[in-house]
PDB file of N, CA and C in Angstrom:
ATOM      1  N   THR A   1     -14.252  55.918 119.668  1.00  0.00           N
ATOM      2  CA  THR A   1     -13.508  56.556 118.601  1.00  0.00           C
ATOM      3  C   THR A   1     -12.831  57.827 119.095  1.00  0.00           C
ATOM      4  N   ILE A   2     -13.547  58.595 119.913  1.00  0.00           N
ATOM      5  CA  ILE A   2     -12.972  59.836 120.452  1.00  0.00           C
ATOM      6  C   ILE A   2     -11.770  59.523 121.332  1.00  0.00           C
ATOM      7  N   PHE A   3     -11.869  58.465 122.124  1.00  0.00           N
ATOM      8  CA  PHE A   3     -10.752  58.072 122.985  1.00  0.00           C
ATOM      9  C   PHE A   3      -9.539  57.684 122.143  1.00  0.00           C
ATOM     10  N   LEU A   4      -9.750  56.925 121.079  1.00  0.00           N
ATOM     11  CA  LEU A   4      -8.648  56.513 120.220  1.00  0.00           C
ATOM     12  C   LEU A   4      -7.991  57.718 119.552  1.00  0.00           C
ATOM     13  N   VAL A   5      -8.777  58.675 119.104  1.00  0.00           N
ATOM     14  CA  VAL A   5      -8.230  59.892 118.492  1.00  0.00           C
ATOM     15  C   VAL A   5      -7.421  60.678 119.522  1.00  0.00           C
ATOM     16  N   ALA A   6      -7.907  60.745 120.761  1.00  0.00           N
ATOM     17  CA  ALA A   6      -7.175  61.456 121.813  1.00  0.00           C
ATOM     18  C   ALA A   6      -5.834  60.780 122.102  1.00  0.00           C
ATOM     19  N   VAL A   7      -5.820  59.466 122.133  1.00  0.00           N
ATOM     20  CA  VAL A   7      -4.567  58.745 122.364  1.00  0.00           C
ATOM     21  C   VAL A   7      -3.607  58.958 121.197  1.00  0.00           C
ATOM     22  N   LEU A   8      -4.111  58.937 119.981  1.00  0.00           N
ATOM     23  CA  LEU A   8      -3.260  59.192 118.820  1.00  0.00           C
ATOM     24  C   LEU A   8      -2.713  60.621 118.839  1.00  0.00           C
ATOM     25  N   LEU A   9      -3.506  61.564 119.312  1.00  0.00           N
ATOM     26  CA  LEU A   9      -3.028  62.938 119.451  1.00  0.00           C
ATOM     27  C   LEU A   9      -1.881  63.002 120.456  1.00  0.00           C
ATOM     28  N   LEU A  10      -2.002  62.261 121.548  1.00  0.00           N
ATOM     29  CA  LEU A  10      -0.906  62.215 122.520  1.00  0.00           C
ATOM     30  C   LEU A  10       0.353  61.613 121.893  1.00  0.00           C
ATOM     31  N   LEU A  11       0.191  60.615 121.040  1.00  0.00           N
ATOM     32  CA  LEU A  11       1.354  60.036 120.360  1.00  0.00           C
ATOM     33  C   LEU A  11       2.023  61.047 119.429  1.00  0.00           C
ATOM     34  N   VAL A  12       1.231  61.849 118.757  1.00  0.00           N
ATOM     35  CA  VAL A  12       1.798  62.890 117.894  1.00  0.00           C
ATOM     36  C   VAL A  12       2.565  63.903 118.728  1.00  0.00           C
ATOM     37  N   ILE A  13       1.992  64.319 119.851  1.00  0.00           N
ATOM     38  CA  ILE A  13       2.670  65.278 120.731  1.00  0.00           C
ATOM     39  C   ILE A  13       3.974  64.687 121.263  1.00  0.00           C
ATOM     40  N   MET A  14       3.951  63.411 121.669  1.00  0.00           N
ATOM     41  CA  MET A  14       5.174  62.760 122.143  1.00  0.00           C
ATOM     42  C   MET A  14       6.214  62.679 121.036  1.00  0.00           C
ATOM     43  N   GLY A  15       5.770  62.387 119.823  1.00  0.00           N
ATOM     44  CA  GLY A  15       6.690  62.288 118.702  1.00  0.00           C
ATOM     45  C   GLY A  15       7.348  63.609 118.356  1.00  0.00           C
ATOM     46  N   MET A  16       6.626  64.691 118.522  1.00  0.00           N
ATOM     47  CA  MET A  16       7.172  66.002 118.216  1.00  0.00           C
ATOM     48  C   MET A  16       8.142  66.489 119.286  1.00  0.00           C
ATOM     49  N   ASN A  17       7.956  66.066 120.521  1.00  0.00           N
ATOM     50  CA  ASN A  17       8.736  66.620 121.621  1.00  0.00           C
ATOM     51  C   ASN A  17       9.775  65.661 122.208  1.00  0.00           C
ATOM     52  N   ASN A  18       9.748  64.392 121.867  1.00  0.00           N
ATOM     53  CA  ASN A  18      10.698  63.419 122.417  1.00  0.00           C
ATOM     54  C   ASN A  18      11.530  62.812 121.303  1.00  0.00           C
ATOM     55  N   ARG A  19      12.499  63.556 120.852  1.00  0.00           N
ATOM     56  CA  ARG A  19      13.320  63.084 119.735  1.00  0.00           C
ATOM     57  C   ARG A  19      14.631  62.455 120.186  1.00  0.00           C
ATOM     58  N   GLN A  20      14.953  62.545 121.455  1.00  0.00           N
ATOM     59  CA  GLN A  20      16.208  61.969 121.919  1.00  0.00           C
ATOM     60  C   GLN A  20      16.117  60.441 121.935  1.00  0.00           C
ATOM     61  N   PRO A  21      17.238  59.781 121.707  1.00  0.00           N
ATOM     62  CA  PRO A  21      17.201  58.314 121.698  1.00  0.00           C
ATOM     63  C   PRO A  21      17.089  57.749 123.118  1.00  0.00           C
ATOM     64  N   VAL A  22      16.392  56.655 123.239  1.00  0.00           N
ATOM     65  CA  VAL A  22      16.300  55.939 124.511  1.00  0.00           C
ATOM     66  C   VAL A  22      16.836  54.528 124.276  1.00  0.00           C
ATOM     67  N   GLU A  23      17.286  53.922 125.352  1.00  0.00           N
ATOM     68  CA  GLU A  23      17.844  52.579 125.255  1.00  0.00           C
ATOM     69  C   GLU A  23      16.761  51.558 125.561  1.00  0.00           C
ATOM     70  N   LEU A  24      16.588  50.619 124.667  1.00  0.00           N
ATOM     71  CA  LEU A  24      15.597  49.564 124.826  1.00  0.00           C
ATOM     72  C   LEU A  24      16.335  48.253 125.073  1.00  0.00           C
ATOM     73  N   ALA A  25      16.142  47.689 126.264  1.00  0.00           N
ATOM     74  CA  ALA A  25      16.810  46.436 126.624  1.00  0.00           C
ATOM     75  C   ALA A  25      15.746  45.388 126.944  1.00  0.00           C
ATOM     76  N   MET A  26      15.741  44.313 126.181  1.00  0.00           N
ATOM     77  CA  MET A  26      14.829  43.190 126.403  1.00  0.00           C
ATOM     78  C   MET A  26      15.646  41.913 126.251  1.00  0.00           C
ATOM     79  N   PRO A  27      16.383  41.523 127.305  1.00  0.00           N
ATOM     80  CA  PRO A  27      17.338  40.414 127.194  1.00  0.00           C
ATOM     81  C   PRO A  27      16.786  39.107 126.623  1.00  0.00           C
ATOM     82  N   PRO A  28      15.568  38.696 126.913  1.00  0.00           N
ATOM     83  CA  PRO A  28      15.127  37.433 126.303  1.00  0.00           C
ATOM     84  C   PRO A  28      14.938  37.528 124.779  1.00  0.00           C
ATOM     85  N   LEU A  29      14.593  38.726 124.282  1.00  0.00           N
ATOM     86  CA  LEU A  29      14.297  38.876 122.850  1.00  0.00           C
ATOM     87  C   LEU A  29      15.425  39.521 122.061  1.00  0.00           C
ATOM     88  N   LEU A  30      16.101  40.499 122.654  1.00  0.00           N
ATOM     89  CA  LEU A  30      17.187  41.205 121.977  1.00  0.00           C
ATOM     90  C   LEU A  30      18.500  40.892 122.688  1.00  0.00           C
ATOM     91  N   PRO A  31      19.508  40.412 121.968  1.00  0.00           N
ATOM     92  CA  PRO A  31      20.762  40.051 122.636  1.00  0.00           C
ATOM     93  C   PRO A  31      21.505  41.243 123.236  1.00  0.00           C
ATOM     94  N   LYS A  32      21.380  42.430 122.623  1.00  0.00           N
ATOM     95  CA  LYS A  32      22.031  43.610 123.187  1.00  0.00           C
ATOM     96  C   LYS A  32      21.064  44.788 123.128  1.00  0.00           C
ATOM     97  N   SER A  33      21.358  45.818 123.900  1.00  0.00           N
ATOM     98  CA  SER A  33      20.488  46.991 123.966  1.00  0.00           C
ATOM     99  C   SER A  33      20.457  47.720 122.623  1.00  0.00           C
ATOM    100  N   GLN A  34      19.281  48.256 122.291  1.00  0.00           N
ATOM    101  CA  GLN A  34      19.089  49.011 121.063  1.00  0.00           C
ATOM    102  C   GLN A  34      18.748  50.452 121.434  1.00  0.00           C
ATOM    103  N   LYS A  35      19.165  51.403 120.608  1.00  0.00           N
ATOM    104  CA  LYS A  35      18.811  52.801 120.823  1.00  0.00           C
ATOM    105  C   LYS A  35      17.883  53.250 119.705  1.00  0.00           C
ATOM    106  N   TYR A  36      16.707  53.734 120.109  1.00  0.00           N
ATOM    107  CA  TYR A  36      15.696  54.218 119.178  1.00  0.00           C
ATOM    108  C   TYR A  36      15.175  55.556 119.671  1.00  0.00           C
ATOM    109  N   PRO A  37      14.590  56.369 118.784  1.00  0.00           N
ATOM    110  CA  PRO A  37      13.937  57.591 119.251  1.00  0.00           C
ATOM    111  C   PRO A  37      12.782  57.233 120.198  1.00  0.00           C
ATOM    112  N   ALA A  38      12.613  58.024 121.240  1.00  0.00           N
ATOM    113  CA  ALA A  38      11.591  57.743 122.258  1.00  0.00           C
ATOM    114  C   ALA A  38      10.201  57.631 121.634  1.00  0.00           C
ATOM    115  N   ALA A  39       9.881  58.504 120.692  1.00  0.00           N
ATOM    116  CA  ALA A  39       8.555  58.492 120.079  1.00  0.00           C
ATOM    117  C   ALA A  39       8.299  57.188 119.341  1.00  0.00           C
ATOM    118  N   LEU A  40       9.327  56.628 118.712  1.00  0.00           N
ATOM    119  CA  LEU A  40       9.166  55.368 117.987  1.00  0.00           C
ATOM    120  C   LEU A  40       8.875  54.224 118.963  1.00  0.00           C
ATOM    121  N   VAL A  41       9.523  54.243 120.109  1.00  0.00           N
ATOM    122  CA  VAL A  41       9.278  53.214 121.120  1.00  0.00           C
ATOM    123  C   VAL A  41       7.851  53.336 121.653  1.00  0.00           C
ATOM    124  N   TYR A  42       7.402  54.559 121.955  1.00  0.00           N
ATOM    125  CA  TYR A  42       6.027  54.769 122.430  1.00  0.00           C
ATOM    126  C   TYR A  42       5.021  54.271 121.402  1.00  0.00           C
ATOM    127  N   PHE A  43       5.251  54.653 120.145  1.00  0.00           N
ATOM    128  CA  PHE A  43       4.329  54.263 119.084  1.00  0.00           C
ATOM    129  C   PHE A  43       4.303  52.748 118.897  1.00  0.00           C
ATOM    130  N   GLY A  44       5.463  52.120 118.962  1.00  0.00           N
ATOM    131  CA  GLY A  44       5.537  50.674 118.814  1.00  0.00           C
ATOM    132  C   GLY A  44       4.779  49.937 119.902  1.00  0.00           C
ATOM    133  N   PHE A  45       4.966  50.343 121.149  1.00  0.00           N
ATOM    134  CA  PHE A  45       4.268  49.678 122.236  1.00  0.00           C
ATOM    135  C   PHE A  45       2.769  49.965 122.201  1.00  0.00           C
ATOM    136  N   PHE A  46       2.378  51.156 121.768  1.00  0.00           N
ATOM    137  CA  PHE A  46       0.950  51.453 121.598  1.00  0.00           C
ATOM    138  C   PHE A  46       0.356  50.549 120.527  1.00  0.00           C
ATOM    139  N   GLY A  47       1.064  50.399 119.410  1.00  0.00           N
ATOM    140  CA  GLY A  47       0.576  49.552 118.324  1.00  0.00           C
ATOM    141  C   GLY A  47       0.440  48.099 118.747  1.00  0.00           C
ATOM    142  N   ILE A  48       1.424  47.601 119.478  1.00  0.00           N
ATOM    143  CA  ILE A  48       1.356  46.225 119.969  1.00  0.00           C
ATOM    144  C   ILE A  48       0.177  46.053 120.912  1.00  0.00           C
ATOM    145  N   GLY A  49      -0.029  47.009 121.803  1.00  0.00           N
ATOM    146  CA  GLY A  49      -1.157  46.935 122.737  1.00  0.00           C
ATOM    147  C   GLY A  49      -2.497  47.005 122.026  1.00  0.00           C
ATOM    148  N   LEU A  50      -2.597  47.866 121.023  1.00  0.00           N
ATOM    149  CA  LEU A  50      -3.844  47.993 120.263  1.00  0.00           C
ATOM    150  C   LEU A  50      -4.160  46.706 119.509  1.00  0.00           C
ATOM    151  N   LEU A  51      -3.157  46.128 118.863  1.00  0.00           N
ATOM    152  CA  LEU A  51      -3.372  44.869 118.144  1.00  0.00           C
ATOM    153  C   LEU A  51      -3.736  43.734 119.097  1.00  0.00           C
ATOM    154  N   THR A  52      -3.063  43.675 120.232  1.00  0.00           N
ATOM    155  CA  THR A  52      -3.369  42.637 121.211  1.00  0.00           C
ATOM    156  C   THR A  52      -4.801  42.757 121.713  1.00  0.00           C
ATOM    157  N   GLY A  53      -5.226  43.976 122.042  1.00  0.00           N
ATOM    158  CA  GLY A  53      -6.604  44.190 122.487  1.00  0.00           C
ATOM    159  C   GLY A  53      -7.616  43.853 121.416  1.00  0.00           C
ATOM    160  N   SER A  54      -7.301  44.187 120.175  1.00  0.00           N
ATOM    161  CA  SER A  54      -8.216  43.875 119.071  1.00  0.00           C
ATOM    162  C   SER A  54      -8.353  42.371 118.874  1.00  0.00           C
ATOM    163  N   ILE A  55      -7.236  41.664 118.942  1.00  0.00           N
ATOM    164  CA  ILE A  55      -7.272  40.211 118.768  1.00  0.00           C
ATOM    165  C   ILE A  55      -8.034  39.555 119.911  1.00  0.00           C
ATOM    166  N   LEU A  56      -7.815  40.022 121.131  1.00  0.00           N
ATOM    167  CA  LEU A  56      -8.489  39.413 122.274  1.00  0.00           C
ATOM    168  C   LEU A  56      -9.998  39.639 122.262  1.00  0.00           C
ATOM    169  N   THR A  57     -10.443  40.772 121.733  1.00  0.00           N
ATOM    170  CA  THR A  57     -11.873  41.050 121.726  1.00  0.00           C
ATOM    171  C   THR A  57     -12.554  40.606 120.424  1.00  0.00           C
ATOM    172  N   ALA A  58     -11.807  40.258 119.398  1.00  0.00           N
ATOM    173  CA  ALA A  58     -12.396  39.905 118.105  1.00  0.00           C
ATOM    174  C   ALA A  58     -13.219  38.624 118.169  1.00  0.00           C
ATOM    175  N   GLY A  59     -12.827  37.686 118.973  1.00  0.00           N
ATOM    176  CA  GLY A  59     -13.525  36.412 119.010  1.00  0.00           C
ATOM    177  C   GLY A  59     -14.782  36.411 119.847  1.00  0.00           C
ATOM    178  N   ARG A  60     -15.116  37.488 120.473  1.00  0.00           N
ATOM    179  CA  ARG A  60     -16.269  37.525 121.368  1.00  0.00           C
ATOM    180  C   ARG A  60     -17.585  37.813 120.664  1.00  0.00           C
ATOM    181  N   LYS A  61     -17.564  38.330 119.460  1.00  0.00           N
ATOM    182  CA  LYS A  61     -18.804  38.663 118.763  1.00  0.00           C
ATOM    183  C   LYS A  61     -19.410  37.422 118.143  1.00  0.00           C
ATOM    184  N   GLY A  62     -20.719  37.349 118.150  1.00  0.00           N
ATOM    185  CA  GLY A  62     -21.422  36.296 117.437  1.00  0.00           C
ATOM    186  C   GLY A  62     -21.551  34.980 118.186  1.00  0.00           C
ATOM    187  N   LYS A  63     -21.006  34.901 119.349  1.00  0.00           N
ATOM    188  CA  LYS A  63     -21.144  33.652 120.112  1.00  0.00           C
ATOM    189  C   LYS A  63     -22.437  33.701 120.906  1.00  0.00           C
ATOM    190  N   SER A  64     -23.277  32.722 120.713  1.00  0.00           N
ATOM    191  CA  SER A  64     -24.530  32.676 121.447  1.00  0.00           C
ATOM    192  C   SER A  64     -24.480  31.568 122.484  1.00  0.00           C
ATOM    193  N   LYS A  65     -25.227  31.754 123.536  1.00  0.00           N
ATOM    194  CA  LYS A  65     -25.276  30.756 124.591  1.00  0.00           C
ATOM    195  C   LYS A  65     -26.236  29.650 124.202  1.00  0.00           C
ATOM    196  N   PRO A  66     -25.838  28.389 124.361  1.00  0.00           N
ATOM    197  CA  PRO A  66     -26.782  27.299 124.068  1.00  0.00           C
ATOM    198  C   PRO A  66     -27.878  27.258 125.118  1.00  0.00           C
ATOM    199  N   GLU A  67     -29.092  27.048 124.674  1.00  0.00           N
ATOM    200  CA  GLU A  67     -30.228  27.041 125.600  1.00  0.00           C
ATOM    201  C   GLU A  67     -30.792  25.664 125.784  1.00  0.00           C
TER     202      GLU A  67
END
C-alpha cells in the first residue's frame, strides 16, 4: 500500500509539473499522432499497467494443488 501511495504521489508531481503536450504515436492502434498533456499520458499508462497486473494476479488466489 505504501508503494502504491508513493507511485500515486509521483503521478501527482508529474501532473503538476508536466503540462506541455507530448505526441503519442501508435501506428497499429491510432491512424495518426495524437497530442495530449504529458501527465495524462503518464497516468494512462500507469492505469493500464495497474489493471493488467491486477488481472494477471487475480486468478492465482484460491487454487490448491491436487494431492
